[in-house]
Amino acid sequence: MSGHRTDQVGAQVREEIMAIIQRELKDPRIGLVSITGVRMSPDLRSARVRVSVLGNAAEQKETLRGLYSARGLIRHALGRRLQNLKFSPEIRFEIDPSIEYSVHISKMLREILPEEETEEGAPS
């Protein structure tokens, strides 16, 4: 039962953090960010937030620095928004390379597969 609760709280934390990043943060270091997942600890006191950042490695690093500097503000805003929790969770951001990896694989497949095969598979 506690696993279900952590998943629910994680989904709620994800939505709220995304809204906070989009509406309240003004840090120019924070680029185009997408939160791919939030993993809550069993006691709901900490959250691992996986983010995908559009850009090269330097831009990803800068965005992560911006998010880390805004952690206190995000945590405070979460505490105001999530009144069903006793404690506002400690937030840890980490880069999620899965989207970048899937784009890389997609490009490789387009290069490997001949044009004729991709056109033949499409309905006329």
N, C-alpha and C. Protein backbone atom coordinates (compact mmCIF):
# COMPACT_ATOMS: atom_id res chain seq x y z
N MET A 1 0.82 -1.20 0.00
CA MET A 1 0.00 0.00 0.00
C MET A 1 0.86 1.26 0.00
N SER A 2 1.99 1.22 0.71
CA SER A 2 2.84 2.41 0.78
C SER A 2 3.47 2.70 -0.58
N GLY A 3 3.71 1.67 -1.41
CA GLY A 3 4.26 1.88 -2.74
C GLY A 3 3.30 2.68 -3.61
N HIS A 4 2.02 2.39 -3.46
CA HIS A 4 1.00 3.12 -4.22
C HIS A 4 0.97 4.59 -3.78
N ARG A 5 1.08 4.82 -2.50
CA ARG A 5 1.08 6.20 -1.97
C ARG A 5 2.29 6.97 -2.48
N THR A 6 3.47 6.35 -2.47
CA THR A 6 4.66 7.05 -2.94
C THR A 6 4.55 7.37 -4.42
N ASP A 7 3.93 6.47 -5.20
CA ASP A 7 3.72 6.75 -6.62
C ASP A 7 2.77 7.92 -6.83
N GLN A 8 1.70 7.95 -6.05
CA GLN A 8 0.74 9.05 -6.15
C GLN A 8 1.38 10.38 -5.77
N VAL A 9 2.11 10.40 -4.67
CA VAL A 9 2.77 11.62 -4.22
C VAL A 9 3.83 12.03 -5.23
N GLY A 10 4.56 11.06 -5.78
CA GLY A 10 5.57 11.36 -6.79
C GLY A 10 4.97 12.02 -8.02
N ALA A 11 3.81 11.53 -8.47
CA ALA A 11 3.13 12.14 -9.62
C ALA A 11 2.69 13.57 -9.30
N GLN A 12 2.19 13.76 -8.09
CA GLN A 12 1.75 15.10 -7.68
C GLN A 12 2.95 16.05 -7.57
N VAL A 13 4.05 15.57 -7.02
CA VAL A 13 5.27 16.38 -6.89
C VAL A 13 5.79 16.74 -8.28
N ARG A 14 5.75 15.80 -9.20
CA ARG A 14 6.20 16.05 -10.58
C ARG A 14 5.40 17.19 -11.21
N GLU A 15 4.09 17.12 -11.10
CA GLU A 15 3.23 18.17 -11.67
C GLU A 15 3.51 19.53 -11.05
N GLU A 16 3.65 19.55 -9.74
CA GLU A 16 3.87 20.83 -9.05
C GLU A 16 5.24 21.42 -9.37
N ILE A 17 6.28 20.58 -9.39
CA ILE A 17 7.61 21.09 -9.71
C ILE A 17 7.64 21.63 -11.13
N MET A 18 6.99 20.93 -12.06
CA MET A 18 6.96 21.40 -13.45
C MET A 18 6.27 22.77 -13.53
N ALA A 19 5.17 22.93 -12.79
CA ALA A 19 4.47 24.22 -12.78
C ALA A 19 5.35 25.31 -12.15
N ILE A 20 6.06 24.98 -11.10
CA ILE A 20 6.94 25.95 -10.45
C ILE A 20 8.06 26.38 -11.40
N ILE A 21 8.67 25.42 -12.08
CA ILE A 21 9.75 25.74 -13.02
C ILE A 21 9.24 26.63 -14.14
N GLN A 22 8.07 26.32 -14.67
CA GLN A 22 7.53 27.08 -15.80
C GLN A 22 7.08 28.48 -15.40
N ARG A 23 6.49 28.62 -14.22
CA ARG A 23 5.85 29.90 -13.87
C ARG A 23 6.63 30.78 -12.91
N GLU A 24 7.41 30.17 -12.02
CA GLU A 24 8.00 30.96 -10.94
C GLU A 24 9.50 31.18 -11.06
N LEU A 25 10.21 30.30 -11.74
CA LEU A 25 11.66 30.45 -11.83
C LEU A 25 12.04 31.37 -12.97
N LYS A 26 12.91 32.30 -12.69
CA LYS A 26 13.35 33.27 -13.70
C LYS A 26 14.84 33.14 -14.01
N ASP A 27 15.47 32.07 -13.56
CA ASP A 27 16.90 31.87 -13.75
C ASP A 27 17.20 31.63 -15.24
N PRO A 28 18.04 32.46 -15.85
CA PRO A 28 18.34 32.27 -17.28
C PRO A 28 19.14 31.01 -17.57
N ARG A 29 19.75 30.41 -16.55
CA ARG A 29 20.50 29.17 -16.77
C ARG A 29 19.59 27.98 -17.04
N ILE A 30 18.34 28.08 -16.59
CA ILE A 30 17.41 26.97 -16.75
C ILE A 30 16.80 27.04 -18.13
N GLY A 31 17.16 26.08 -18.96
CA GLY A 31 16.68 26.02 -20.34
C GLY A 31 15.38 25.25 -20.43
N LEU A 32 15.19 24.59 -21.55
CA LEU A 32 13.99 23.80 -21.78
C LEU A 32 14.11 22.49 -21.01
N VAL A 33 13.33 22.37 -19.94
CA VAL A 33 13.41 21.24 -19.03
C VAL A 33 12.11 20.45 -19.08
N SER A 34 12.26 19.14 -19.04
CA SER A 34 11.10 18.25 -18.94
C SER A 34 11.38 17.29 -17.80
N ILE A 35 10.43 17.13 -16.91
CA ILE A 35 10.60 16.20 -15.80
C ILE A 35 10.09 14.84 -16.26
N THR A 36 10.99 13.87 -16.31
CA THR A 36 10.61 12.55 -16.81
C THR A 36 10.14 11.62 -15.70
N GLY A 37 10.47 11.93 -14.48
CA GLY A 37 10.02 11.09 -13.38
C GLY A 37 10.44 11.62 -12.03
N VAL A 38 9.67 11.23 -11.01
CA VAL A 38 10.00 11.58 -9.63
C VAL A 38 9.91 10.31 -8.81
N ARG A 39 10.95 10.04 -8.09
CA ARG A 39 10.97 8.85 -7.23
C ARG A 39 11.04 9.32 -5.79
N MET A 40 10.01 9.01 -5.03
CA MET A 40 9.93 9.42 -3.64
C MET A 40 10.51 8.34 -2.74
N SER A 41 11.11 8.76 -1.64
CA SER A 41 11.57 7.79 -0.65
C SER A 41 10.33 7.23 0.07
N PRO A 42 10.44 6.07 0.69
CA PRO A 42 9.27 5.49 1.38
C PRO A 42 8.67 6.39 2.46
N ASP A 43 9.50 7.20 3.11
CA ASP A 43 8.97 8.09 4.15
C ASP A 43 8.53 9.45 3.58
N LEU A 44 8.61 9.63 2.27
CA LEU A 44 8.18 10.84 1.55
C LEU A 44 8.97 12.09 1.94
N ARG A 45 10.15 11.92 2.51
CA ARG A 45 10.96 13.07 2.92
C ARG A 45 11.96 13.50 1.87
N SER A 46 12.19 12.67 0.85
CA SER A 46 13.11 13.07 -0.21
C SER A 46 12.56 12.62 -1.56
N ALA A 47 12.94 13.38 -2.59
CA ALA A 47 12.48 13.10 -3.94
C ALA A 47 13.65 13.19 -4.90
N ARG A 48 13.81 12.16 -5.73
CA ARG A 48 14.78 12.18 -6.82
C ARG A 48 14.03 12.59 -8.07
N VAL A 49 14.36 13.75 -8.60
CA VAL A 49 13.66 14.28 -9.76
C VAL A 49 14.55 14.11 -10.98
N ARG A 50 14.09 13.30 -11.94
CA ARG A 50 14.84 13.05 -13.17
C ARG A 50 14.36 14.05 -14.22
N VAL A 51 15.32 14.80 -14.77
CA VAL A 51 14.99 15.82 -15.75
C VAL A 51 15.70 15.55 -17.07
N SER A 52 15.03 15.91 -18.14
CA SER A 52 15.62 15.84 -19.46
C SER A 52 15.76 17.28 -19.93
N VAL A 53 16.95 17.63 -20.40
CA VAL A 53 17.24 19.00 -20.80
C VAL A 53 17.60 19.00 -22.28
N LEU A 54 16.96 19.88 -23.03
CA LEU A 54 17.26 20.01 -24.44
C LEU A 54 18.55 20.82 -24.59
N GLY A 55 19.53 20.27 -25.29
CA GLY A 55 20.79 20.98 -25.51
C GLY A 55 21.98 20.06 -25.33
N ASN A 56 23.15 20.67 -25.49
CA ASN A 56 24.39 19.89 -25.36
C ASN A 56 24.75 19.70 -23.88
N ALA A 57 25.87 19.04 -23.63
CA ALA A 57 26.27 18.72 -22.27
C ALA A 57 26.50 19.97 -21.41
N ALA A 58 27.06 21.02 -22.01
CA ALA A 58 27.30 22.26 -21.26
C ALA A 58 25.98 22.91 -20.85
N GLU A 59 25.02 22.92 -21.76
CA GLU A 59 23.71 23.50 -21.44
C GLU A 59 22.99 22.67 -20.38
N GLN A 60 23.15 21.36 -20.45
CA GLN A 60 22.54 20.49 -19.44
C GLN A 60 23.14 20.76 -18.07
N LYS A 61 24.45 20.94 -18.04
CA LYS A 61 25.14 21.22 -16.78
C LYS A 61 24.69 22.56 -16.18
N GLU A 62 24.57 23.57 -17.03
CA GLU A 62 24.12 24.89 -16.57
C GLU A 62 22.69 24.83 -16.04
N THR A 63 21.83 24.10 -16.74
CA THR A 63 20.45 23.96 -16.29
C THR A 63 20.40 23.26 -14.95
N LEU A 64 21.20 22.23 -14.78
CA LEU A 64 21.25 21.52 -13.51
C LEU A 64 21.74 22.43 -12.39
N ARG A 65 22.73 23.28 -12.69
CA ARG A 65 23.21 24.25 -11.69
C ARG A 65 22.09 25.22 -11.30
N GLY A 66 21.35 25.69 -12.31
CA GLY A 66 20.24 26.59 -12.03
C GLY A 66 19.16 25.94 -11.18
N LEU A 67 18.86 24.68 -11.47
CA LEU A 67 17.86 23.96 -10.68
C LEU A 67 18.34 23.73 -9.26
N TYR A 68 19.63 23.40 -9.10
CA TYR A 68 20.16 23.21 -7.75
C TYR A 68 20.15 24.50 -6.95
N SER A 69 20.41 25.62 -7.60
CA SER A 69 20.38 26.89 -6.86
C SER A 69 18.95 27.29 -6.49
N ALA A 70 17.97 26.78 -7.22
CA ALA A 70 16.57 27.10 -6.95
C ALA A 70 15.89 26.05 -6.08
N ARG A 71 16.64 25.07 -5.59
CA ARG A 71 16.05 23.99 -4.80
C ARG A 71 15.27 24.49 -3.60
N GLY A 72 15.82 25.46 -2.89
CA GLY A 72 15.14 25.99 -1.70
C GLY A 72 13.81 26.64 -2.05
N LEU A 73 13.81 27.42 -3.11
CA LEU A 73 12.57 28.07 -3.56
C LEU A 73 11.55 27.03 -4.00
N ILE A 74 12.00 26.01 -4.73
CA ILE A 74 11.08 24.96 -5.19
C ILE A 74 10.52 24.19 -4.00
N ARG A 75 11.38 23.88 -3.05
CA ARG A 75 10.93 23.14 -1.87
C ARG A 75 9.93 23.94 -1.05
N HIS A 76 10.18 25.22 -0.91
CA HIS A 76 9.26 26.09 -0.17
C HIS A 76 7.91 26.17 -0.88
N ALA A 77 7.93 26.35 -2.21
CA ALA A 77 6.68 26.40 -2.98
C ALA A 77 5.94 25.07 -2.91
N LEU A 78 6.68 23.97 -2.93
CA LEU A 78 6.04 22.65 -2.78
C LEU A 78 5.34 22.53 -1.44
N GLY A 79 5.98 23.01 -0.40
CA GLY A 79 5.38 22.96 0.93
C GLY A 79 4.07 23.72 1.00
N ARG A 80 4.00 24.85 0.31
CA ARG A 80 2.75 25.62 0.27
C ARG A 80 1.68 24.89 -0.54
N ARG A 81 2.08 24.25 -1.63
CA ARG A 81 1.12 23.62 -2.55
C ARG A 81 0.65 22.24 -2.08
N LEU A 82 1.53 21.49 -1.46
CA LEU A 82 1.20 20.13 -1.04
C LEU A 82 0.91 20.11 0.45
N GLN A 83 -0.28 20.47 0.80
CA GLN A 83 -0.62 20.55 2.21
C GLN A 83 -1.02 19.20 2.80
N ASN A 84 -1.08 18.16 1.95
CA ASN A 84 -1.39 16.83 2.45
C ASN A 84 -0.15 16.11 2.98
N LEU A 85 1.03 16.75 2.88
CA LEU A 85 2.26 16.16 3.40
C LEU A 85 2.70 16.89 4.66
N LYS A 86 3.23 16.13 5.62
CA LYS A 86 3.75 16.75 6.84
C LYS A 86 5.00 17.55 6.56
N PHE A 87 5.86 16.99 5.68
CA PHE A 87 7.15 17.59 5.40
C PHE A 87 7.27 17.86 3.91
N SER A 88 7.93 18.95 3.58
CA SER A 88 8.25 19.22 2.18
C SER A 88 9.48 18.38 1.84
N PRO A 89 9.42 17.61 0.76
CA PRO A 89 10.54 16.68 0.49
C PRO A 89 11.82 17.39 0.08
N GLU A 90 12.94 16.82 0.49
CA GLU A 90 14.26 17.26 0.04
C GLU A 90 14.39 16.85 -1.42
N ILE A 91 14.81 17.77 -2.28
CA ILE A 91 14.82 17.51 -3.72
C ILE A 91 16.24 17.30 -4.21
N ARG A 92 16.41 16.27 -5.05
CA ARG A 92 17.68 16.01 -5.70
C ARG A 92 17.41 15.85 -7.20
N PHE A 93 18.03 16.69 -8.00
CA PHE A 93 17.85 16.63 -9.45
C PHE A 93 18.94 15.78 -10.07
N GLU A 94 18.56 15.03 -11.12
CA GLU A 94 19.54 14.28 -11.89
C GLU A 94 19.10 14.24 -13.35
N ILE A 95 20.08 14.22 -14.23
CA ILE A 95 19.81 14.21 -15.67
C ILE A 95 19.32 12.82 -16.08
N ASP A 96 18.27 12.78 -16.88
CA ASP A 96 17.75 11.55 -17.44
C ASP A 96 18.13 11.49 -18.92
N PRO A 97 19.06 10.63 -19.29
CA PRO A 97 19.52 10.59 -20.68
C PRO A 97 18.63 9.77 -21.62
N SER A 98 17.52 9.25 -21.14
CA SER A 98 16.72 8.32 -21.94
C SER A 98 16.14 8.96 -23.20
N ILE A 99 15.66 10.19 -23.14
CA ILE A 99 15.09 10.84 -24.32
C ILE A 99 16.19 11.10 -25.35
N GLU A 100 17.32 11.59 -24.89
CA GLU A 100 18.45 11.85 -25.78
C GLU A 100 18.92 10.54 -26.44
N TYR A 101 18.93 9.47 -25.67
CA TYR A 101 19.33 8.17 -26.20
C TYR A 101 18.35 7.68 -27.27
N SER A 102 17.06 7.85 -27.03
CA SER A 102 16.06 7.40 -28.01
C SER A 102 16.15 8.21 -29.29
N VAL A 103 16.44 9.50 -29.21
CA VAL A 103 16.63 10.31 -30.41
C VAL A 103 17.86 9.83 -31.17
N HIS A 104 18.92 9.50 -30.46
CA HIS A 104 20.14 8.99 -31.08
C HIS A 104 19.86 7.67 -31.82
N ILE A 105 19.14 6.76 -31.18
CA ILE A 105 18.81 5.48 -31.81
C ILE A 105 17.93 5.70 -33.03
N SER A 106 17.00 6.61 -32.94
CA SER A 106 16.12 6.91 -34.07
C SER A 106 16.92 7.43 -35.27
N LYS A 107 17.88 8.31 -35.01
CA LYS A 107 18.74 8.82 -36.09
C LYS A 107 19.55 7.71 -36.72
N MET A 108 20.09 6.83 -35.89
CA MET A 108 20.88 5.71 -36.40
C MET A 108 20.03 4.79 -37.28
N LEU A 109 18.80 4.52 -36.85
CA LEU A 109 17.92 3.67 -37.64
C LEU A 109 17.59 4.30 -38.99
N ARG A 110 17.36 5.61 -38.99
CA ARG A 110 17.08 6.30 -40.26
C ARG A 110 18.27 6.22 -41.21
N GLU A 111 19.48 6.27 -40.67
CA GLU A 111 20.68 6.18 -41.50
C GLU A 111 20.89 4.76 -42.03
N ILE A 112 20.57 3.77 -41.21
CA ILE A 112 20.81 2.38 -41.59
C ILE A 112 19.76 1.88 -42.58
N LEU A 113 18.50 2.17 -42.31
CA LEU A 113 17.43 1.67 -43.18
C LEU A 113 17.41 2.45 -44.49
N PRO A 114 17.34 1.75 -45.61
CA PRO A 114 17.27 2.45 -46.90
C PRO A 114 15.94 3.19 -47.03
N GLU A 115 15.94 4.25 -47.82
CA GLU A 115 14.75 5.07 -48.05
C GLU A 115 13.59 4.25 -48.61
N GLU A 116 13.88 3.30 -49.50
CA GLU A 116 12.84 2.51 -50.15
C GLU A 116 12.03 1.73 -49.13
N GLU A 117 12.68 1.13 -48.13
CA GLU A 117 11.97 0.34 -47.14
C GLU A 117 11.02 1.19 -46.32
N THR A 118 11.42 2.40 -45.95
CA THR A 118 10.55 3.25 -45.17
C THR A 118 9.38 3.74 -45.98
N GLU A 119 9.56 3.96 -47.31
CA GLU A 119 8.46 4.40 -48.16
C GLU A 119 7.51 3.26 -48.49
N GLU A 120 8.02 2.03 -48.63
CA GLU A 120 7.18 0.88 -48.94
C GLU A 120 6.25 0.56 -47.78
N GLY A 121 6.70 0.76 -46.56
CA GLY A 121 5.91 0.45 -45.39
C GLY A 121 4.76 1.41 -45.18
N ALA A 122 4.84 2.60 -45.78
CA ALA A 122 3.80 3.61 -45.59
C ALA A 122 2.63 3.31 -46.52
N PRO A 123 1.37 3.43 -45.99
CA PRO A 123 0.21 3.20 -46.85
C PRO A 123 0.07 4.29 -47.89
N SER A 124 -0.38 3.91 -49.09
CA SER A 124 -0.53 4.87 -50.19
C SER A 124 -1.89 5.48 -50.21
